[in-house]
Amino acid sequence: MPFLPTISTFFILLSAVLVAIGWRFIIKGNAKAHKKTMISAAISALLFFIIYVSRTIFLGNTSFGGPDELKIYYTIFLIFHITLATTGAAFGIVTLTLALKRKIKIHRKIGPVTSIIWFFSALTGFAVYLLLYVFFEGGETTSMIKAILGS
């Protein structure tokens, strides 16, 4: 299912665009549009996560298929992206929860930080996508289930 990485990447980029739009709404004082847009961004990020995890479990992850001399740089970049994505997801959940619980003072403080982390996470995720599927031919893909069960 080679289209799944493209679809999941679309959703994570869409979430970043929606976060930017939501940020603009709150700067303009439109809290209602901000809330709707940020919830849409969270749903888009959740769709990414569901597709990514499902693909990882059932089909596997694609290894880097580019030149061996670039593999170490790709791996370092991937670890950086994974760290950003994990941090961004945790911040995103906390930020969204604070907003929904109407703890706006704290939400306002961490929201901009969350947004910046999310933008860089989405950008580095897009770069990983390009490196795995566009610039170079993907390497081997093995499913987690096959790896665990040895099938």
N, C-alpha and C. Protein backbone atom coordinates (compact mmCIF):
# COMPACT_ATOMS: atom_id res chain seq x y z
N MET A 1 0.84 -1.19 0.00
CA MET A 1 0.00 0.00 0.00
C MET A 1 0.88 1.25 0.00
N PRO A 2 1.50 1.52 -1.12
CA PRO A 2 2.47 2.63 -1.18
C PRO A 2 1.85 4.01 -1.02
N PHE A 3 0.54 4.13 -1.09
CA PHE A 3 -0.10 5.43 -0.97
C PHE A 3 -0.27 5.85 0.50
N LEU A 4 -0.17 4.93 1.44
CA LEU A 4 -0.38 5.27 2.85
C LEU A 4 0.60 6.31 3.40
N PRO A 5 1.91 6.20 3.10
CA PRO A 5 2.81 7.25 3.58
C PRO A 5 2.45 8.64 3.04
N THR A 6 1.98 8.68 1.80
CA THR A 6 1.58 9.97 1.21
C THR A 6 0.36 10.53 1.93
N ILE A 7 -0.61 9.67 2.21
CA ILE A 7 -1.82 10.12 2.90
C ILE A 7 -1.49 10.57 4.32
N SER A 8 -0.70 9.79 5.04
CA SER A 8 -0.36 10.17 6.42
C SER A 8 0.44 11.47 6.44
N THR A 9 1.36 11.63 5.50
CA THR A 9 2.14 12.87 5.43
C THR A 9 1.24 14.06 5.11
N PHE A 10 0.26 13.86 4.24
CA PHE A 10 -0.71 14.92 3.94
C PHE A 10 -1.40 15.38 5.22
N PHE A 11 -1.86 14.42 6.05
CA PHE A 11 -2.58 14.79 7.27
C PHE A 11 -1.71 15.53 8.28
N ILE A 12 -0.45 15.16 8.39
CA ILE A 12 0.41 15.86 9.36
C ILE A 12 0.72 17.27 8.86
N LEU A 13 0.92 17.42 7.55
CA LEU A 13 1.14 18.76 7.00
C LEU A 13 -0.13 19.61 7.12
N LEU A 14 -1.28 18.99 6.87
CA LEU A 14 -2.55 19.70 7.04
C LEU A 14 -2.72 20.17 8.48
N SER A 15 -2.34 19.33 9.43
CA SER A 15 -2.47 19.74 10.83
C SER A 15 -1.60 20.96 11.13
N ALA A 16 -0.40 21.01 10.56
CA ALA A 16 0.49 22.16 10.78
C ALA A 16 -0.10 23.43 10.15
N VAL A 17 -0.66 23.29 8.96
CA VAL A 17 -1.29 24.44 8.30
C VAL A 17 -2.48 24.93 9.13
N LEU A 18 -3.27 24.00 9.63
CA LEU A 18 -4.43 24.38 10.46
C LEU A 18 -3.98 25.05 11.76
N VAL A 19 -2.90 24.58 12.35
CA VAL A 19 -2.37 25.23 13.56
C VAL A 19 -1.98 26.68 13.23
N ALA A 20 -1.34 26.89 12.09
CA ALA A 20 -0.96 28.25 11.69
C ALA A 20 -2.20 29.13 11.49
N ILE A 21 -3.22 28.57 10.86
CA ILE A 21 -4.46 29.32 10.65
C ILE A 21 -5.13 29.61 11.99
N GLY A 22 -5.15 28.61 12.88
CA GLY A 22 -5.73 28.80 14.20
C GLY A 22 -5.00 29.86 15.01
N TRP A 23 -3.69 29.88 14.88
CA TRP A 23 -2.88 30.88 15.57
C TRP A 23 -3.26 32.28 15.05
N ARG A 24 -3.42 32.38 13.77
CA ARG A 24 -3.82 33.67 13.16
C ARG A 24 -5.19 34.11 13.68
N PHE A 25 -6.13 33.16 13.79
CA PHE A 25 -7.46 33.49 14.30
C PHE A 25 -7.39 34.06 15.71
N ILE A 26 -6.58 33.46 16.58
CA ILE A 26 -6.53 33.93 17.96
C ILE A 26 -5.84 35.28 18.05
N ILE A 27 -4.86 35.52 17.19
CA ILE A 27 -4.20 36.83 17.15
C ILE A 27 -5.21 37.91 16.75
N LYS A 28 -6.11 37.54 15.84
CA LYS A 28 -7.15 38.47 15.38
C LYS A 28 -8.31 38.58 16.38
N GLY A 29 -8.28 37.76 17.46
CA GLY A 29 -9.33 37.83 18.47
C GLY A 29 -10.54 36.97 18.19
N ASN A 30 -10.45 36.08 17.22
CA ASN A 30 -11.58 35.22 16.87
C ASN A 30 -11.41 33.86 17.56
N ALA A 31 -11.80 33.80 18.85
CA ALA A 31 -11.62 32.60 19.66
C ALA A 31 -12.44 31.42 19.15
N LYS A 32 -13.63 31.69 18.64
CA LYS A 32 -14.51 30.62 18.16
C LYS A 32 -13.88 29.92 16.94
N ALA A 33 -13.40 30.69 15.98
CA ALA A 33 -12.74 30.11 14.80
C ALA A 33 -11.43 29.43 15.20
N HIS A 34 -10.72 30.01 16.17
CA HIS A 34 -9.48 29.41 16.68
C HIS A 34 -9.75 28.02 17.23
N LYS A 35 -10.77 27.90 18.06
CA LYS A 35 -11.11 26.62 18.67
C LYS A 35 -11.46 25.57 17.61
N LYS A 36 -12.31 25.94 16.66
CA LYS A 36 -12.70 24.99 15.61
C LYS A 36 -11.50 24.56 14.77
N THR A 37 -10.66 25.51 14.44
CA THR A 37 -9.50 25.22 13.61
C THR A 37 -8.50 24.33 14.35
N MET A 38 -8.27 24.61 15.63
CA MET A 38 -7.33 23.81 16.40
C MET A 38 -7.86 22.39 16.64
N ILE A 39 -9.15 22.26 16.83
CA ILE A 39 -9.74 20.92 16.95
C ILE A 39 -9.58 20.17 15.62
N SER A 40 -9.78 20.87 14.52
CA SER A 40 -9.57 20.26 13.20
C SER A 40 -8.11 19.84 13.03
N ALA A 41 -7.18 20.66 13.51
CA ALA A 41 -5.75 20.32 13.45
C ALA A 41 -5.47 19.06 14.26
N ALA A 42 -6.09 18.97 15.44
CA ALA A 42 -5.90 17.80 16.29
C ALA A 42 -6.48 16.54 15.63
N ILE A 43 -7.62 16.68 14.99
CA ILE A 43 -8.22 15.54 14.28
C ILE A 43 -7.33 15.10 13.13
N SER A 44 -6.78 16.06 12.40
CA SER A 44 -5.87 15.75 11.30
C SER A 44 -4.63 15.02 11.82
N ALA A 45 -4.08 15.49 12.94
CA ALA A 45 -2.91 14.83 13.54
C ALA A 45 -3.28 13.42 14.01
N LEU A 46 -4.47 13.26 14.55
CA LEU A 46 -4.92 11.95 14.99
C LEU A 46 -5.08 10.99 13.80
N LEU A 47 -5.60 11.49 12.69
CA LEU A 47 -5.71 10.67 11.47
C LEU A 47 -4.32 10.22 11.00
N PHE A 48 -3.37 11.16 11.04
CA PHE A 48 -1.99 10.80 10.71
C PHE A 48 -1.53 9.65 11.60
N PHE A 49 -1.73 9.81 12.90
CA PHE A 49 -1.25 8.83 13.87
C PHE A 49 -1.89 7.46 13.65
N ILE A 50 -3.18 7.44 13.41
CA ILE A 50 -3.88 6.17 13.19
C ILE A 50 -3.34 5.47 11.94
N ILE A 51 -3.16 6.22 10.86
CA ILE A 51 -2.62 5.64 9.62
C ILE A 51 -1.19 5.15 9.84
N TYR A 52 -0.38 5.99 10.49
CA TYR A 52 1.03 5.65 10.71
C TYR A 52 1.17 4.39 11.57
N VAL A 53 0.45 4.35 12.69
CA VAL A 53 0.56 3.20 13.59
C VAL A 53 0.01 1.94 12.93
N SER A 54 -1.12 2.05 12.25
CA SER A 54 -1.69 0.89 11.55
C SER A 54 -0.71 0.35 10.52
N ARG A 55 -0.14 1.25 9.76
CA ARG A 55 0.82 0.85 8.73
C ARG A 55 2.05 0.20 9.37
N THR A 56 2.52 0.77 10.45
CA THR A 56 3.69 0.22 11.14
C THR A 56 3.42 -1.18 11.66
N ILE A 57 2.26 -1.37 12.25
CA ILE A 57 1.92 -2.68 12.83
C ILE A 57 1.71 -3.73 11.74
N PHE A 58 0.93 -3.40 10.75
CA PHE A 58 0.53 -4.41 9.77
C PHE A 58 1.45 -4.53 8.56
N LEU A 59 2.02 -3.43 8.12
CA LEU A 59 2.88 -3.47 6.93
C LEU A 59 4.34 -3.26 7.27
N GLY A 60 4.61 -2.44 8.28
CA GLY A 60 5.99 -2.18 8.71
C GLY A 60 6.45 -0.79 8.35
N ASN A 61 7.67 -0.54 8.72
CA ASN A 61 8.32 0.73 8.38
C ASN A 61 9.31 0.49 7.25
N THR A 62 9.47 1.51 6.46
CA THR A 62 10.41 1.44 5.35
C THR A 62 11.76 1.93 5.82
N SER A 63 12.79 1.14 5.56
CA SER A 63 14.15 1.57 5.92
C SER A 63 14.68 2.51 4.84
N PHE A 64 15.72 3.24 5.20
CA PHE A 64 16.34 4.18 4.28
C PHE A 64 16.97 3.43 3.13
N GLY A 65 16.63 3.82 1.91
CA GLY A 65 17.15 3.14 0.73
C GLY A 65 18.17 3.95 -0.05
N GLY A 66 18.56 5.08 0.52
CA GLY A 66 19.53 5.93 -0.17
C GLY A 66 20.95 5.40 -0.01
N PRO A 67 21.90 6.19 -0.46
CA PRO A 67 23.31 5.78 -0.41
C PRO A 67 23.78 5.50 1.02
N ASP A 68 24.62 4.51 1.17
CA ASP A 68 25.13 4.12 2.50
C ASP A 68 25.84 5.28 3.20
N GLU A 69 26.52 6.11 2.44
CA GLU A 69 27.27 7.21 3.07
C GLU A 69 26.33 8.28 3.67
N LEU A 70 25.06 8.28 3.29
CA LEU A 70 24.08 9.22 3.86
C LEU A 70 23.27 8.61 5.00
N LYS A 71 23.38 7.30 5.17
CA LYS A 71 22.53 6.61 6.15
C LYS A 71 22.71 7.15 7.57
N ILE A 72 23.92 7.42 7.99
CA ILE A 72 24.14 7.93 9.35
C ILE A 72 23.49 9.29 9.53
N TYR A 73 23.56 10.15 8.51
CA TYR A 73 22.93 11.47 8.58
C TYR A 73 21.41 11.37 8.61
N TYR A 74 20.89 10.43 7.80
CA TYR A 74 19.46 10.18 7.81
C TYR A 74 19.01 9.70 9.18
N THR A 75 19.75 8.78 9.76
CA THR A 75 19.40 8.22 11.07
C THR A 75 19.40 9.30 12.15
N ILE A 76 20.41 10.15 12.15
CA ILE A 76 20.46 11.26 13.12
C ILE A 76 19.27 12.18 12.92
N PHE A 77 18.98 12.50 11.67
CA PHE A 77 17.84 13.37 11.35
C PHE A 77 16.53 12.72 11.78
N LEU A 78 16.40 11.41 11.54
CA LEU A 78 15.19 10.68 11.92
C LEU A 78 15.00 10.70 13.44
N ILE A 79 16.09 10.49 14.19
CA ILE A 79 16.00 10.53 15.66
C ILE A 79 15.57 11.92 16.12
N PHE A 80 16.12 12.96 15.48
CA PHE A 80 15.71 14.34 15.79
C PHE A 80 14.21 14.52 15.51
N HIS A 81 13.75 14.03 14.36
CA HIS A 81 12.33 14.14 14.01
C HIS A 81 11.45 13.38 15.02
N ILE A 82 11.84 12.17 15.36
CA ILE A 82 11.05 11.37 16.31
C ILE A 82 10.96 12.08 17.66
N THR A 83 12.07 12.67 18.10
CA THR A 83 12.08 13.42 19.36
C THR A 83 11.14 14.61 19.28
N LEU A 84 11.21 15.36 18.19
CA LEU A 84 10.31 16.51 17.99
C LEU A 84 8.85 16.06 17.94
N ALA A 85 8.57 15.00 17.19
CA ALA A 85 7.20 14.52 17.03
C ALA A 85 6.61 14.05 18.36
N THR A 86 7.41 13.34 19.12
CA THR A 86 6.94 12.85 20.42
C THR A 86 6.70 14.01 21.37
N THR A 87 7.63 14.93 21.41
CA THR A 87 7.49 16.12 22.25
C THR A 87 6.29 16.95 21.80
N GLY A 88 6.16 17.14 20.49
CA GLY A 88 5.04 17.91 19.95
C GLY A 88 3.70 17.27 20.25
N ALA A 89 3.63 15.95 20.17
CA ALA A 89 2.38 15.25 20.47
C ALA A 89 2.01 15.42 21.95
N ALA A 90 3.00 15.27 22.82
CA ALA A 90 2.73 15.43 24.26
C ALA A 90 2.29 16.87 24.56
N PHE A 91 3.01 17.83 24.02
CA PHE A 91 2.63 19.24 24.21
C PHE A 91 1.25 19.50 23.62
N GLY A 92 0.97 18.92 22.46
CA GLY A 92 -0.32 19.12 21.81
C GLY A 92 -1.48 18.62 22.66
N ILE A 93 -1.32 17.44 23.23
CA ILE A 93 -2.36 16.88 24.08
C ILE A 93 -2.58 17.76 25.31
N VAL A 94 -1.48 18.18 25.93
CA VAL A 94 -1.59 19.04 27.11
C VAL A 94 -2.22 20.38 26.75
N THR A 95 -1.78 20.98 25.67
CA THR A 95 -2.31 22.29 25.25
C THR A 95 -3.79 22.21 24.93
N LEU A 96 -4.19 21.19 24.20
CA LEU A 96 -5.60 21.01 23.86
C LEU A 96 -6.44 20.74 25.11
N THR A 97 -5.93 19.91 26.01
CA THR A 97 -6.64 19.61 27.25
C THR A 97 -6.83 20.87 28.10
N LEU A 98 -5.78 21.67 28.19
CA LEU A 98 -5.89 22.93 28.95
C LEU A 98 -6.96 23.83 28.36
N ALA A 99 -7.00 23.92 27.04
CA ALA A 99 -8.01 24.77 26.40
C ALA A 99 -9.41 24.25 26.66
N LEU A 100 -9.59 22.94 26.53
CA LEU A 100 -10.92 22.36 26.73
C LEU A 100 -11.37 22.45 28.18
N LYS A 101 -10.42 22.48 29.11
CA LYS A 101 -10.75 22.64 30.53
C LYS A 101 -10.85 24.11 30.93
N ARG A 102 -10.68 24.98 29.91
CA ARG A 102 -10.79 26.43 30.10
C ARG A 102 -9.70 26.99 31.01
N LYS A 103 -8.53 26.38 31.00
CA LYS A 103 -7.37 26.89 31.74
C LYS A 103 -6.56 27.73 30.74
N ILE A 104 -7.18 28.83 30.35
CA ILE A 104 -6.68 29.64 29.23
C ILE A 104 -5.35 30.32 29.55
N LYS A 105 -5.14 30.73 30.79
CA LYS A 105 -3.89 31.42 31.13
C LYS A 105 -2.67 30.53 30.84
N ILE A 106 -2.73 29.27 31.25
CA ILE A 106 -1.63 28.34 31.00
C ILE A 106 -1.60 27.96 29.51
N HIS A 107 -2.78 27.77 28.93
CA HIS A 107 -2.89 27.43 27.51
C HIS A 107 -2.19 28.50 26.65
N ARG A 108 -2.40 29.76 26.99
CA ARG A 108 -1.78 30.86 26.23
C ARG A 108 -0.26 30.84 26.34
N LYS A 109 0.25 30.36 27.47
CA LYS A 109 1.71 30.34 27.66
C LYS A 109 2.37 29.22 26.85
N ILE A 110 1.75 28.03 26.85
CA ILE A 110 2.42 26.92 26.16
C ILE A 110 1.95 26.71 24.72
N GLY A 111 0.83 27.33 24.36
CA GLY A 111 0.32 27.18 23.00
C GLY A 111 1.32 27.58 21.92
N PRO A 112 1.95 28.76 22.03
CA PRO A 112 2.93 29.14 21.01
C PRO A 112 4.13 28.18 20.94
N VAL A 113 4.58 27.70 22.09
CA VAL A 113 5.69 26.74 22.11
C VAL A 113 5.27 25.45 21.41
N THR A 114 4.07 24.99 21.75
CA THR A 114 3.53 23.78 21.12
C THR A 114 3.47 23.94 19.61
N SER A 115 2.98 25.09 19.17
CA SER A 115 2.84 25.34 17.73
C SER A 115 4.19 25.29 17.02
N ILE A 116 5.18 25.91 17.60
CA ILE A 116 6.51 25.93 16.98
C ILE A 116 7.09 24.52 16.89
N ILE A 117 6.97 23.77 17.99
CA ILE A 117 7.45 22.38 17.97
C ILE A 117 6.69 21.60 16.90
N TRP A 118 5.38 21.83 16.80
CA TRP A 118 4.56 21.10 15.83
C TRP A 118 4.97 21.42 14.39
N PHE A 119 5.23 22.70 14.12
CA PHE A 119 5.65 23.09 12.77
C PHE A 119 6.95 22.37 12.38
N PHE A 120 7.92 22.39 13.28
CA PHE A 120 9.20 21.74 12.98
C PHE A 120 9.05 20.22 12.88
N SER A 121 8.18 19.66 13.69
CA SER A 121 7.90 18.22 13.60
C SER A 121 7.30 17.88 12.24
N ALA A 122 6.33 18.68 11.80
CA ALA A 122 5.70 18.44 10.50
C ALA A 122 6.71 18.61 9.36
N LEU A 123 7.53 19.65 9.44
CA LEU A 123 8.53 19.89 8.40
C LEU A 123 9.57 18.78 8.34
N THR A 124 10.05 18.34 9.50
CA THR A 124 11.04 17.26 9.49
C THR A 124 10.39 15.95 9.07
N GLY A 125 9.11 15.76 9.42
CA GLY A 125 8.39 14.57 8.96
C GLY A 125 8.25 14.56 7.45
N PHE A 126 7.98 15.72 6.87
CA PHE A 126 7.89 15.84 5.42
C PHE A 126 9.24 15.54 4.78
N ALA A 127 10.31 16.02 5.41
CA ALA A 127 11.65 15.74 4.89
C ALA A 127 11.96 14.24 4.94
N VAL A 128 11.55 13.57 6.03
CA VAL A 128 11.73 12.12 6.12
C VAL A 128 10.97 11.43 4.98
N TYR A 129 9.74 11.87 4.76
CA TYR A 129 8.93 11.32 3.66
C TYR A 129 9.66 11.48 2.32
N LEU A 130 10.17 12.69 2.07
CA LEU A 130 10.89 12.93 0.81
C LEU A 130 12.11 12.02 0.67
N LEU A 131 12.85 11.86 1.77
CA LEU A 131 14.05 11.02 1.73
C LEU A 131 13.72 9.54 1.53
N LEU A 132 12.59 9.10 2.06
CA LEU A 132 12.22 7.68 1.95
C LEU A 132 11.50 7.33 0.65
N TYR A 133 10.73 8.27 0.13
CA TYR A 133 9.82 7.90 -0.98
C TYR A 133 9.99 8.73 -2.26
N VAL A 134 10.67 9.86 -2.18
CA VAL A 134 10.77 10.72 -3.36
C VAL A 134 12.21 10.80 -3.87
N PHE A 135 13.13 11.23 -3.02
CA PHE A 135 14.51 11.41 -3.46
C PHE A 135 15.24 10.09 -3.69
N PHE A 136 14.92 9.09 -2.86
CA PHE A 136 15.56 7.78 -2.97
C PHE A 136 14.47 6.71 -2.98
N GLU A 137 14.81 5.56 -3.53
CA GLU A 137 13.89 4.43 -3.48
C GLU A 137 13.93 3.86 -2.07
N GLY A 138 12.76 3.57 -1.51
CA GLY A 138 12.70 3.05 -0.15
C GLY A 138 13.42 1.73 0.00
N GLY A 139 13.91 1.50 1.20
CA GLY A 139 14.57 0.24 1.50
C GLY A 139 13.54 -0.82 1.85
N GLU A 140 13.98 -1.83 2.57
CA GLU A 140 13.11 -2.95 2.93
C GLU A 140 12.02 -2.51 3.90
N THR A 141 10.84 -3.12 3.76
CA THR A 141 9.73 -2.89 4.67
C THR A 141 9.33 -4.22 5.28
N THR A 142 9.34 -4.27 6.59
CA THR A 142 8.94 -5.48 7.30
C THR A 142 7.92 -5.11 8.36
N SER A 143 6.85 -5.87 8.43
CA SER A 143 5.81 -5.56 9.41
C SER A 143 6.24 -5.97 10.81
N MET A 144 5.71 -5.26 11.78
CA MET A 144 5.99 -5.57 13.18
C MET A 144 5.50 -6.97 13.51
N ILE A 145 4.33 -7.31 12.98
CA ILE A 145 3.75 -8.63 13.26
C ILE A 145 4.65 -9.73 12.69
N LYS A 146 5.15 -9.55 11.47
CA LYS A 146 6.06 -10.53 10.88
C LYS A 146 7.36 -10.61 11.67
N ALA A 147 7.84 -9.46 12.11
CA ALA A 147 9.08 -9.45 12.89
C ALA A 147 8.88 -10.17 14.23
N ILE A 148 7.74 -9.98 14.87
CA ILE A 148 7.48 -10.61 16.16
C ILE A 148 7.20 -12.11 16.01
N LEU A 149 6.36 -12.46 15.06
CA LEU A 149 5.95 -13.85 14.90
C LEU A 149 6.91 -14.67 14.03
N GLY A 150 7.79 -13.98 13.35
CA GLY A 150 8.75 -14.67 12.51
C GLY A 150 8.16 -15.27 11.26
N SER A 151 7.04 -14.75 10.81
CA SER A 151 6.38 -15.29 9.60
C SER A 151 6.98 -14.75 8.34
